[in-house]
Amino acid sequence: MTENNLLEVLAPVGDMERLYAALDFGADAVYLGGTAFGMRAASASFDAELLKKACDEAHSRGKRVYLTCNTLPHNDEIVHLEQFVNDALAAGVDAMIANDIGVFSLIKKYAPDMEIHVSTQAGIVNYVTANEFYNMGAKRVVLARELSLEEIAEIRAKTPKDLEIECFVHGAMCVSFSGRCLLSQYLVNRDANRGECAQPCRWGYHLMEEKRTNEFYPVFEDEKGTYILNAKDMCMLNHIDKLAEVGVNSFKIEGRAKSSYYVSVITNAYRKAMDIYKSDPKHFELPQWLKDEVFKVSHRAYCTGFFFGHPKESQYYENGGYIREYDVVAVVDGCSGGRIYCTQKNKFNKGDEIEVLSPVGSPVKFTVEEMFDEYDNSIDTANHAAMKMSIRSDLTFYNSYEKIAKKPCDFPHMAFVYFFFFSISSDNGFDSMAFLMFSSDKWVYISVVAMLL
């Protein structure tokens, strides 16, 4: 069993907005990509200057930053690695995540004291490989997703105690082993092993006979074709205790290309779950509201991957898209004088019951009783595109997870706050919405429940 003080919630970060979200909602560490050598080309937004800013912010809160360096670089890229490592050193990065053995050796050469984590793309599925990476100088191994709890337990038992074990516990799963996919490069010349995956595993496919080029036959009983390669998303929120018991140190959330809303909600869920586990490991049980949180972000159908043996229902054949029940309906520009000032994005009404989820505590519900247009006239609905409006509110929330014991902030008077409302619809004649509030040190997520259409 992993000691409580060695259990880490590791959140994905694609830019500074998502960094603040992850830190405010309780991440112990974040992982991010620079402008090169990372597996998410679309979210590689941290140049040397921003990387330094991110590290300074995280370290000021006692958190750690891990920089991805896990692509398979070609010859012409190797010459740029030394500067990349030097920038990481100057920024104060706590560890670098590597996959390629040559890259691993150069990191050790250019930064002998840099902590190295071996990427999941190295495909570590046994203790012999884990030990060899340890002998090479690795501080942590990110195990392949294709392992069961029993296999992880054996790796833990047969490796040095100071070799940390990290596992992905939430998010998208690649149909290929440990993300080593060639489909994208073959079909559209976008190399998944260089952070450019086009996700062809999410596309619909038909069967075609070679001499009947214009005749397509569905492989599955679906008029759109079939999604035979489409994996479900992983969710291990309800099983944190089992992962800790087999020796997992770091609980990694996938999603560097996901929104700040996603980062906030999912990081918060795992933070709360981890705290519940730490408080009483032998009687781990999550409240229903916390279990429900992972369904409030865009996601595919969930499964538990390979943790409980070979998955029998890990593919989703209906379609290749997300279950997306929330739409943005407004962005809040600021709060003062008991008002939340917003810019409308989609229609919503007075009388909506909204549920507030801050980094501290469980959700709190309240009803939007008064709304005003930009001229301070009372209104019943926000139905004009991009209209300026405000909502009256007098609730109080703590401003971030780690500041709970220090200083509460008064919700109506917080400055420089941004909210994102989300609207959801269901089959029972009700409509719902939610919004996320952000400032440089404050996040609050709010969802409307049960609003009659």
Protein backbone atom coordinates (compact mmCIF):
# COMPACT_ATOMS: atom_id res chain seq x y z
CA MET A 1 0.00 0.00 0.00
CA THR A 2 1.24 3.48 -0.87
CA GLU A 3 1.80 5.83 2.07
CA ASN A 4 -0.69 8.70 2.19
CA ASN A 5 1.97 11.37 1.82
CA LEU A 6 3.16 9.78 -1.43
CA LEU A 7 -0.20 9.92 -3.21
CA GLU A 8 -0.26 12.54 -5.95
CA VAL A 9 -3.09 13.96 -8.07
CA LEU A 10 -1.46 14.87 -11.38
CA ALA A 11 -3.43 17.18 -13.68
CA PRO A 12 -2.99 18.08 -17.37
CA VAL A 13 -2.21 21.64 -18.40
CA GLY A 14 -2.38 23.08 -21.92
CA ASP A 15 -1.97 26.78 -21.15
CA MET A 16 -1.85 29.23 -18.24
CA GLU A 17 -5.62 29.32 -17.84
CA ARG A 18 -5.67 25.57 -17.33
CA LEU A 19 -2.67 25.80 -15.02
CA TYR A 20 -4.58 28.07 -12.66
CA ALA A 21 -7.57 25.74 -12.90
CA ALA A 22 -5.51 22.68 -11.97
CA LEU A 23 -3.76 24.38 -9.07
CA ASP A 24 -6.88 26.02 -7.68
CA PHE A 25 -8.78 22.76 -7.75
CA GLY A 26 -6.16 20.85 -5.83
CA ALA A 27 -3.63 19.22 -8.13
CA ASP A 28 -0.44 18.19 -6.36
CA ALA A 29 1.45 18.43 -9.64
CA VAL A 30 0.83 19.32 -13.27
CA TYR A 31 2.31 18.11 -16.52
CA LEU A 32 2.61 20.30 -19.60
CA GLY A 33 4.37 20.58 -22.93
CA GLY A 34 6.91 23.01 -24.31
CA THR A 35 7.03 24.20 -27.89
CA ALA A 36 8.73 20.97 -29.01
CA PHE A 37 9.26 17.32 -28.06
CA GLY A 38 5.75 16.90 -26.59
CA MET A 39 2.99 14.46 -27.48
CA ARG A 40 0.27 17.12 -27.81
CA ALA A 41 1.31 19.47 -30.60
CA ALA A 42 -1.99 21.37 -30.35
CA SER A 43 -1.41 22.25 -26.69
CA ALA A 44 2.32 22.96 -26.85
CA SER A 45 1.99 26.56 -25.73
CA PHE A 46 4.73 26.91 -23.10
CA ASP A 47 7.77 28.67 -24.48
CA ALA A 48 10.72 29.39 -22.19
CA GLU A 49 9.12 32.52 -20.73
CA LEU A 50 5.73 30.94 -20.05
CA LEU A 51 7.35 27.81 -18.69
CA LYS A 52 9.20 29.90 -16.12
CA LYS A 53 5.98 31.69 -15.21
CA ALA A 54 4.15 28.37 -14.82
CA CYS A 55 6.87 26.92 -12.59
CA ASP A 56 6.99 30.03 -10.44
CA GLU A 57 3.22 29.94 -9.95
CA ALA A 58 3.17 26.24 -9.10
CA HIS A 59 6.16 26.44 -6.77
CA SER A 60 4.65 29.42 -4.94
CA ARG A 61 1.85 27.04 -3.98
CA GLY A 62 4.12 24.12 -3.14
CA LYS A 63 3.21 22.21 -6.31
CA ARG A 64 5.39 20.48 -8.92
CA VAL A 65 5.70 20.83 -12.70
CA TYR A 66 6.60 18.02 -15.10
CA LEU A 67 7.63 18.83 -18.68
CA THR A 68 6.90 16.37 -21.50
CA CYS A 69 9.79 15.36 -23.73
CA ASN A 70 8.31 12.11 -24.96
CA THR A 71 8.16 12.28 -28.75
CA LEU A 72 10.38 10.18 -30.98
CA PRO A 73 12.62 12.90 -32.43
CA HIS A 74 14.30 12.52 -35.82
CA ASN A 75 17.95 13.29 -36.52
CA ASP A 76 17.40 16.92 -37.43
CA GLU A 77 15.63 17.56 -34.10
CA ILE A 78 18.27 16.16 -31.78
CA VAL A 79 20.44 19.27 -32.12
CA HIS A 80 17.66 21.32 -30.51
CA LEU A 81 17.31 19.13 -27.44
CA GLU A 82 20.15 20.72 -25.45
CA GLN A 83 18.51 24.16 -25.56
CA PHE A 84 15.16 22.61 -24.67
CA VAL A 85 16.67 20.97 -21.59
CA ASN A 86 18.52 24.17 -20.64
CA ASP A 87 15.26 26.12 -20.84
CA ALA A 88 13.63 23.53 -18.56
CA LEU A 89 16.45 23.91 -16.05
CA ALA A 90 16.24 27.70 -16.13
CA ALA A 91 12.47 27.58 -15.63
CA GLY A 92 12.78 25.32 -12.59
CA VAL A 93 10.98 22.27 -14.02
CA ASP A 94 10.80 19.51 -11.39
CA ALA A 95 10.96 16.57 -13.81
CA MET A 96 11.02 15.72 -17.50
CA ILE A 97 8.92 12.94 -19.03
CA ALA A 98 10.89 10.96 -21.62
CA ASN A 99 10.24 7.99 -23.87
CA ASP A 100 13.17 7.61 -26.28
CA ILE A 101 16.31 6.08 -24.74
CA GLY A 102 18.53 8.50 -26.64
CA VAL A 103 16.56 11.47 -25.34
CA PHE A 104 16.76 9.97 -21.86
CA SER A 105 20.56 9.77 -22.09
CA LEU A 106 20.87 13.36 -23.36
CA ILE A 107 18.73 14.70 -20.54
CA LYS A 108 21.08 12.97 -18.10
CA LYS A 109 24.03 14.51 -19.94
CA TYR A 110 22.71 18.07 -20.12
CA ALA A 111 20.97 18.07 -16.72
CA PRO A 112 22.48 15.39 -14.46
CA ASP A 113 20.27 16.34 -11.52
CA MET A 114 17.01 16.53 -13.48
CA GLU A 115 14.40 14.04 -12.34
CA ILE A 116 13.26 11.82 -15.23
CA HIS A 117 9.91 10.07 -15.54
CA VAL A 118 9.63 7.36 -18.17
CA SER A 119 6.60 7.96 -20.41
CA THR A 120 3.75 5.50 -20.76
CA GLN A 121 4.74 5.27 -24.41
CA ALA A 122 7.79 3.30 -23.38
CA GLY A 123 5.33 0.47 -22.84
CA ILE A 124 6.47 -0.70 -19.42
CA VAL A 125 4.51 -3.84 -18.55
CA ASN A 126 6.95 -5.77 -16.34
CA TYR A 127 9.31 -5.28 -13.41
CA VAL A 128 12.45 -6.12 -15.41
CA THR A 129 11.94 -3.13 -17.71
CA ALA A 130 11.02 -0.90 -14.77
CA ASN A 131 14.21 -1.92 -12.97
CA GLU A 132 16.35 -1.24 -16.01
CA PHE A 133 14.98 2.27 -16.33
CA TYR A 134 15.63 2.74 -12.62
CA ASN A 135 19.24 1.61 -13.13
CA MET A 136 19.52 4.17 -15.93
CA GLY A 137 18.47 6.88 -13.50
CA ALA A 138 14.69 7.10 -13.77
CA LYS A 139 12.87 8.42 -10.71
CA ARG A 140 9.43 7.33 -11.90
CA VAL A 141 7.85 5.01 -14.45
CA VAL A 142 4.50 5.74 -16.05
CA LEU A 143 3.15 2.26 -16.61
CA ALA A 144 1.39 1.15 -19.78
CA ARG A 145 -2.40 1.39 -19.62
CA GLU A 146 -2.70 -2.30 -20.52
CA LEU A 147 -1.88 -3.59 -17.02
CA SER A 148 -4.14 -5.13 -14.39
CA LEU A 149 -4.03 -4.27 -10.70
CA GLU A 150 -2.36 -7.61 -10.00
CA GLU A 151 0.39 -6.90 -12.52
CA ILE A 152 0.99 -3.44 -11.06
CA ALA A 153 1.21 -4.96 -7.58
CA GLU A 154 3.90 -7.38 -8.76
CA ILE A 155 5.87 -4.57 -10.41
CA ARG A 156 5.68 -2.63 -7.14
CA ALA A 157 6.84 -5.65 -5.13
CA LYS A 158 9.84 -6.33 -7.40
CA THR A 159 11.17 -2.80 -7.90
CA PRO A 160 13.03 -0.44 -5.54
CA LYS A 161 10.81 1.42 -3.09
CA ASP A 162 12.15 4.78 -4.25
CA LEU A 163 11.07 4.12 -7.84
CA GLU A 164 7.73 5.88 -8.11
CA ILE A 165 4.84 4.38 -10.06
CA GLU A 166 2.43 6.54 -12.03
CA CYS A 167 -0.75 5.39 -13.79
CA PHE A 168 -3.32 7.07 -15.97
CA VAL A 169 -6.62 6.97 -14.09
CA HIS A 170 -8.92 9.17 -16.18
CA GLY A 171 -9.46 10.27 -19.75
CA ALA A 172 -9.15 9.10 -23.34
CA MET A 173 -7.49 5.80 -24.19
CA CYS A 174 -5.64 5.03 -27.43
CA VAL A 175 -6.71 1.92 -29.32
CA SER A 176 -3.04 1.12 -29.95
CA PHE A 177 -0.69 -0.29 -27.34
CA SER A 178 0.58 2.51 -25.11
CA GLY A 179 -0.30 5.06 -27.74
CA ARG A 180 2.06 3.69 -30.39
CA CYS A 181 -0.27 4.27 -33.34
CA LEU A 182 0.66 4.53 -37.03
CA LEU A 183 -2.86 5.00 -38.43
CA SER A 184 -2.76 8.79 -38.34
CA GLN A 185 0.56 9.05 -40.12
CA TYR A 186 -0.42 6.49 -42.73
CA LEU A 187 -3.83 8.00 -43.52
CA VAL A 188 -3.21 11.76 -43.26
CA ASN A 189 0.55 12.07 -42.68
CA ARG A 190 0.14 13.30 -39.11
CA ASP A 191 2.50 11.41 -36.82
CA ALA A 192 0.92 10.35 -33.52
CA ASN A 193 4.38 9.67 -32.12
CA ARG A 194 5.23 13.31 -32.65
CA GLY A 195 2.13 14.77 -31.04
CA GLU A 196 0.04 15.23 -34.20
CA CYS A 197 -2.53 12.42 -33.99
CA ALA A 198 -5.65 13.01 -36.12
CA GLN A 199 -7.50 10.33 -34.10
CA PRO A 200 -8.59 8.12 -37.03
CA CYS A 201 -9.64 5.55 -34.42
CA ARG A 202 -12.65 7.80 -33.79
CA TRP A 203 -13.74 7.79 -37.45
CA GLY A 204 -16.58 5.73 -38.91
CA TYR A 205 -15.58 2.81 -41.15
CA HIS A 206 -17.39 0.74 -43.82
CA LEU A 207 -16.56 -2.42 -45.72
CA MET A 208 -15.79 -2.06 -49.44
CA GLU A 209 -15.16 -4.80 -52.00
CA GLU A 210 -12.22 -3.81 -54.22
CA LYS A 211 -14.14 -4.05 -57.51
CA ARG A 212 -17.17 -2.15 -56.22
CA THR A 213 -15.48 1.08 -55.22
CA ASN A 214 -18.70 3.07 -54.79
CA GLU A 215 -20.51 0.49 -52.70
CA PHE A 216 -20.00 0.74 -48.96
CA TYR A 217 -21.37 -1.82 -46.52
CA PRO A 218 -21.67 -1.21 -42.80
CA VAL A 219 -19.63 -3.61 -40.70
CA PHE A 220 -21.91 -2.90 -37.77
CA GLU A 221 -25.67 -2.36 -37.69
CA ASP A 222 -25.55 1.42 -37.92
CA GLU A 223 -26.47 3.60 -40.89
CA LYS A 224 -23.37 5.69 -40.21
CA GLY A 225 -21.02 2.74 -40.42
CA THR A 226 -19.02 1.36 -37.54
CA TYR A 227 -16.60 2.63 -34.92
CA ILE A 228 -14.66 -0.58 -34.40
CA LEU A 229 -11.53 1.24 -33.21
CA ASN A 230 -13.23 3.69 -30.86
CA ALA A 231 -12.17 3.14 -27.24
CA LYS A 232 -14.19 4.34 -24.27
CA ASP A 233 -12.73 6.81 -21.78
CA MET A 234 -11.16 5.59 -18.59
CA CYS A 235 -12.55 6.53 -15.18
CA MET A 236 -11.10 5.13 -11.96
CA LEU A 237 -12.56 7.70 -9.58
CA ASN A 238 -14.44 5.04 -7.61
CA HIS A 239 -11.38 2.81 -7.33
CA ILE A 240 -8.66 5.09 -5.97
CA ASP A 241 -8.36 2.84 -2.94
CA LYS A 242 -7.53 -0.19 -5.07
CA LEU A 243 -4.86 1.69 -7.00
CA ALA A 244 -3.27 2.95 -3.78
CA GLU A 245 -3.32 -0.56 -2.31
CA VAL A 246 -1.26 -1.98 -5.18
CA GLY A 247 1.35 0.77 -4.84
CA VAL A 248 0.46 3.52 -7.31
CA ASN A 249 2.02 6.85 -6.29
CA SER A 250 0.77 9.25 -8.93
CA PHE A 251 -2.80 9.36 -10.28
CA LYS A 252 -2.63 10.91 -13.72
CA ILE A 253 -5.50 12.64 -15.51
CA GLU A 254 -5.36 12.68 -19.32
CA GLY A 255 -6.35 15.83 -21.19
CA ARG A 256 -3.75 18.49 -22.00
CA ALA A 257 -5.85 19.44 -25.02
CA LYS A 258 -9.07 19.59 -22.98
CA SER A 259 -10.70 22.80 -21.73
CA SER A 260 -10.09 24.61 -18.46
CA TYR A 261 -13.61 23.56 -17.50
CA TYR A 262 -12.65 19.90 -17.91
CA VAL A 263 -9.43 20.38 -15.94
CA SER A 264 -11.28 22.12 -13.12
CA VAL A 265 -14.08 19.60 -12.71
CA ILE A 266 -12.02 16.42 -13.08
CA THR A 267 -9.11 17.63 -10.95
CA ASN A 268 -11.58 18.66 -8.28
CA ALA A 269 -13.24 15.22 -8.37
CA TYR A 270 -9.97 13.34 -7.92
CA ARG A 271 -8.74 15.79 -5.28
CA LYS A 272 -11.89 15.27 -3.23
CA ALA A 273 -11.76 11.50 -3.74
CA MET A 274 -8.11 11.35 -2.73
CA ASP A 275 -8.79 13.34 0.43
CA ILE A 276 -11.65 11.02 1.33
CA TYR A 277 -9.38 8.02 0.85
CA LYS A 278 -6.58 9.53 2.92
CA SER A 279 -8.94 10.33 5.76
CA ASP A 280 -10.07 6.70 6.13
CA PRO A 281 -8.39 4.24 3.73
CA LYS A 282 -10.19 1.20 5.12
CA HIS A 283 -13.68 2.61 4.55
CA PHE A 284 -13.33 4.40 1.22
CA GLU A 285 -16.71 5.44 -0.16
CA LEU A 286 -17.55 8.45 -2.29
CA PRO A 287 -20.71 10.53 -1.92
CA GLN A 288 -23.04 10.36 -4.89
CA TRP A 289 -22.54 14.02 -5.82
CA LEU A 290 -18.83 13.38 -6.31
CA LYS A 291 -19.43 10.30 -8.45
CA ASP A 292 -21.70 12.42 -10.63
CA GLU A 293 -19.10 15.12 -11.30
CA VAL A 294 -17.21 13.17 -13.97
CA PHE A 295 -20.39 13.09 -16.08
CA LYS A 296 -20.60 16.90 -16.17
CA VAL A 297 -17.77 17.26 -18.68
CA SER A 298 -17.56 16.18 -22.31
CA HIS A 299 -16.66 12.51 -22.27
CA ARG A 300 -17.12 9.21 -24.01
CA ALA A 301 -18.74 6.30 -22.27
CA TYR A 302 -16.59 5.33 -19.28
CA CYS A 303 -14.84 2.08 -18.46
CA THR A 304 -12.07 0.92 -16.10
CA GLY A 305 -9.59 -0.05 -18.80
CA PHE A 306 -7.43 -3.09 -18.08
CA PHE A 307 -7.21 -2.62 -14.31
CA PHE A 308 -9.67 -5.42 -13.56
CA GLY A 309 -8.47 -7.78 -16.27
CA HIS A 310 -9.02 -7.91 -20.01
CA PRO A 311 -11.79 -5.41 -20.76
CA LYS A 312 -14.89 -6.92 -22.31
CA GLU A 313 -16.75 -3.67 -22.97
CA SER A 314 -14.06 -1.07 -23.55
CA GLN A 315 -15.06 -0.17 -27.12
CA TYR A 316 -17.92 2.15 -28.03
CA TYR A 317 -19.55 1.35 -31.37
CA GLU A 318 -22.38 3.90 -31.48
CA ASN A 319 -20.33 6.88 -32.66
CA GLY A 320 -16.89 8.44 -32.39
CA GLY A 321 -17.92 11.64 -30.64
CA TYR A 322 -18.24 12.82 -27.08
CA ILE A 323 -21.22 12.72 -24.78
CA ARG A 324 -21.58 16.47 -24.69
CA GLU A 325 -24.56 17.65 -22.67
CA TYR A 326 -23.22 21.07 -21.66
CA ASP A 327 -23.09 24.15 -23.90
CA VAL A 328 -21.65 27.55 -23.05
CA VAL A 329 -24.41 30.08 -22.43
CA ALA A 330 -22.51 33.04 -20.92
CA VAL A 331 -19.14 34.39 -19.91
CA VAL A 332 -19.00 36.48 -16.76
CA ASP A 333 -16.77 39.52 -16.93
CA GLY A 334 -16.54 40.35 -13.23
CA CYS A 335 -18.25 40.55 -9.86
CA SER A 336 -18.92 43.55 -7.65
CA GLY A 337 -21.62 45.08 -5.48
CA GLY A 338 -23.55 41.84 -5.14
CA ARG A 339 -23.73 41.31 -8.90
CA ILE A 340 -22.25 38.79 -11.34
CA TYR A 341 -21.66 40.63 -14.63
CA CYS A 342 -21.96 38.45 -17.74
CA THR A 343 -21.76 38.40 -21.50
CA GLN A 344 -24.48 36.13 -22.85
CA LYS A 345 -23.61 33.26 -25.20
CA ASN A 346 -26.86 31.27 -25.27
CA LYS A 347 -30.33 31.83 -23.87
CA PHE A 348 -31.06 31.28 -20.19
CA ASN A 349 -33.77 32.49 -17.81
CA LYS A 350 -34.56 33.93 -14.42
CA GLY A 351 -35.69 31.19 -12.07
CA ASP A 352 -33.00 28.70 -13.08
CA GLU A 353 -31.68 26.77 -10.13
CA ILE A 354 -27.90 26.76 -10.22
CA GLU A 355 -25.52 24.54 -8.37
CA VAL A 356 -22.19 25.97 -7.24
CA LEU A 357 -19.17 23.72 -6.98
CA SER A 358 -16.15 25.49 -5.51
CA PRO A 359 -12.77 23.90 -4.78
CA VAL A 360 -13.93 23.51 -1.18
CA GLY A 361 -16.96 21.54 -0.08
CA SER A 362 -19.85 19.96 -1.94
CA PRO A 363 -22.11 21.73 -4.47
CA VAL A 364 -24.38 24.52 -3.24
CA LYS A 365 -27.62 25.30 -5.05
CA PHE A 366 -29.33 28.63 -5.44
CA THR A 367 -31.91 30.15 -7.77
CA VAL A 368 -31.31 33.05 -10.11
CA GLU A 369 -33.93 35.39 -8.69
CA GLU A 370 -32.92 38.65 -10.34
CA MET A 371 -31.27 39.43 -13.68
CA PHE A 372 -30.54 42.81 -15.25
CA ASP A 373 -29.57 44.05 -18.69
CA GLU A 374 -26.62 46.35 -19.23
CA TYR A 375 -28.80 49.39 -18.48
CA ASP A 376 -29.81 47.88 -15.13
CA ASN A 377 -33.34 47.07 -16.23
CA SER A 378 -34.82 43.93 -14.66
CA ILE A 379 -35.17 41.08 -17.20
CA ASP A 380 -36.62 37.57 -17.17
CA THR A 381 -34.40 36.03 -19.81
CA ALA A 382 -31.01 36.58 -21.44
CA ASN A 383 -31.98 35.98 -25.05
CA HIS A 384 -29.94 38.41 -27.15
CA ALA A 385 -26.62 37.24 -28.56
CA ALA A 386 -23.63 38.63 -26.68
CA MET A 387 -25.81 40.87 -24.53
CA LYS A 388 -24.32 42.36 -21.39
CA MET A 389 -26.23 41.47 -18.24
CA SER A 390 -25.87 40.73 -14.54
CA ILE A 391 -27.19 38.36 -11.87
CA ARG A 392 -27.69 39.21 -8.24
CA SER A 393 -25.92 36.87 -5.78
CA ASP A 394 -24.69 37.09 -2.20
CA LEU A 395 -23.01 33.70 -1.70
CA THR A 396 -19.54 33.27 -0.18
CA PHE A 397 -16.90 30.71 -1.27
CA TYR A 398 -13.28 29.95 -0.50
CA ASN A 399 -10.99 31.18 -3.22
CA SER A 400 -8.92 28.01 -3.80
CA TYR A 401 -8.31 24.54 -2.49
CA GLU A 402 -5.08 25.13 -0.62
CA LYS A 403 -6.30 28.38 0.94
CA ILE A 404 -9.25 26.84 2.77
CA ALA A 405 -7.76 27.35 6.20
CA LYS A 406 -6.58 30.86 5.54
CA LYS A 407 -8.86 33.38 3.94
CA PRO A 408 -12.37 33.05 2.53
CA CYS A 409 -13.29 35.37 -0.30
CA ASP A 410 -16.67 37.04 -0.66
CA PHE A 411 -18.19 35.79 -3.91
CA PRO A 412 -20.06 38.97 -4.93
CA HIS A 413 -16.99 41.17 -4.55
CA MET A 414 -14.32 39.10 -6.32
CA ALA A 415 -12.59 40.95 -9.14
CA PHE A 416 -11.25 39.78 -12.52
CA VAL A 417 -13.43 36.70 -12.59
CA TYR A 418 -14.52 34.78 -15.68
CA PHE A 419 -17.45 32.37 -15.73
CA PHE A 420 -18.49 29.86 -18.34
CA PHE A 421 -22.14 28.81 -18.27
CA PHE A 422 -23.05 25.42 -19.68
CA SER A 423 -26.54 24.32 -20.73
CA ILE A 424 -27.63 20.69 -20.79
CA SER A 425 -30.79 19.04 -22.01
CA SER A 426 -32.35 15.72 -21.08
CA ASP A 427 -35.19 13.44 -22.13
CA ASN A 428 -37.46 14.24 -19.18
CA GLY A 429 -38.53 17.70 -20.29
CA PHE A 430 -36.00 19.56 -18.18
CA ASP A 431 -33.13 21.74 -19.16
CA SER A 432 -30.03 22.45 -17.11
CA MET A 433 -27.03 24.68 -17.28
CA ALA A 434 -23.74 25.21 -15.58
CA PHE A 435 -20.99 27.71 -15.41
CA LEU A 436 -17.40 27.84 -14.38
CA MET A 437 -15.84 30.83 -12.70
CA PHE A 438 -12.18 31.64 -13.10
CA SER A 439 -9.74 34.21 -11.87
CA SER A 440 -6.00 33.95 -11.34
CA ASP A 441 -6.60 32.38 -7.94
CA LYS A 442 -10.30 31.50 -7.82
CA TRP A 443 -12.43 28.90 -9.59
CA VAL A 444 -16.08 28.06 -8.98
CA TYR A 445 -18.15 25.71 -11.11
CA ILE A 446 -21.90 26.20 -11.22
CA SER A 447 -24.52 23.94 -12.81
CA VAL A 448 -28.22 24.54 -13.18
CA VAL A 449 -30.42 21.59 -12.34
CA ALA A 450 -34.05 20.86 -13.28
CA MET A 451 -35.26 23.90 -15.18
CA LEU A 452 -38.63 23.22 -16.80
CA LEU A 453 -38.66 23.90 -20.55
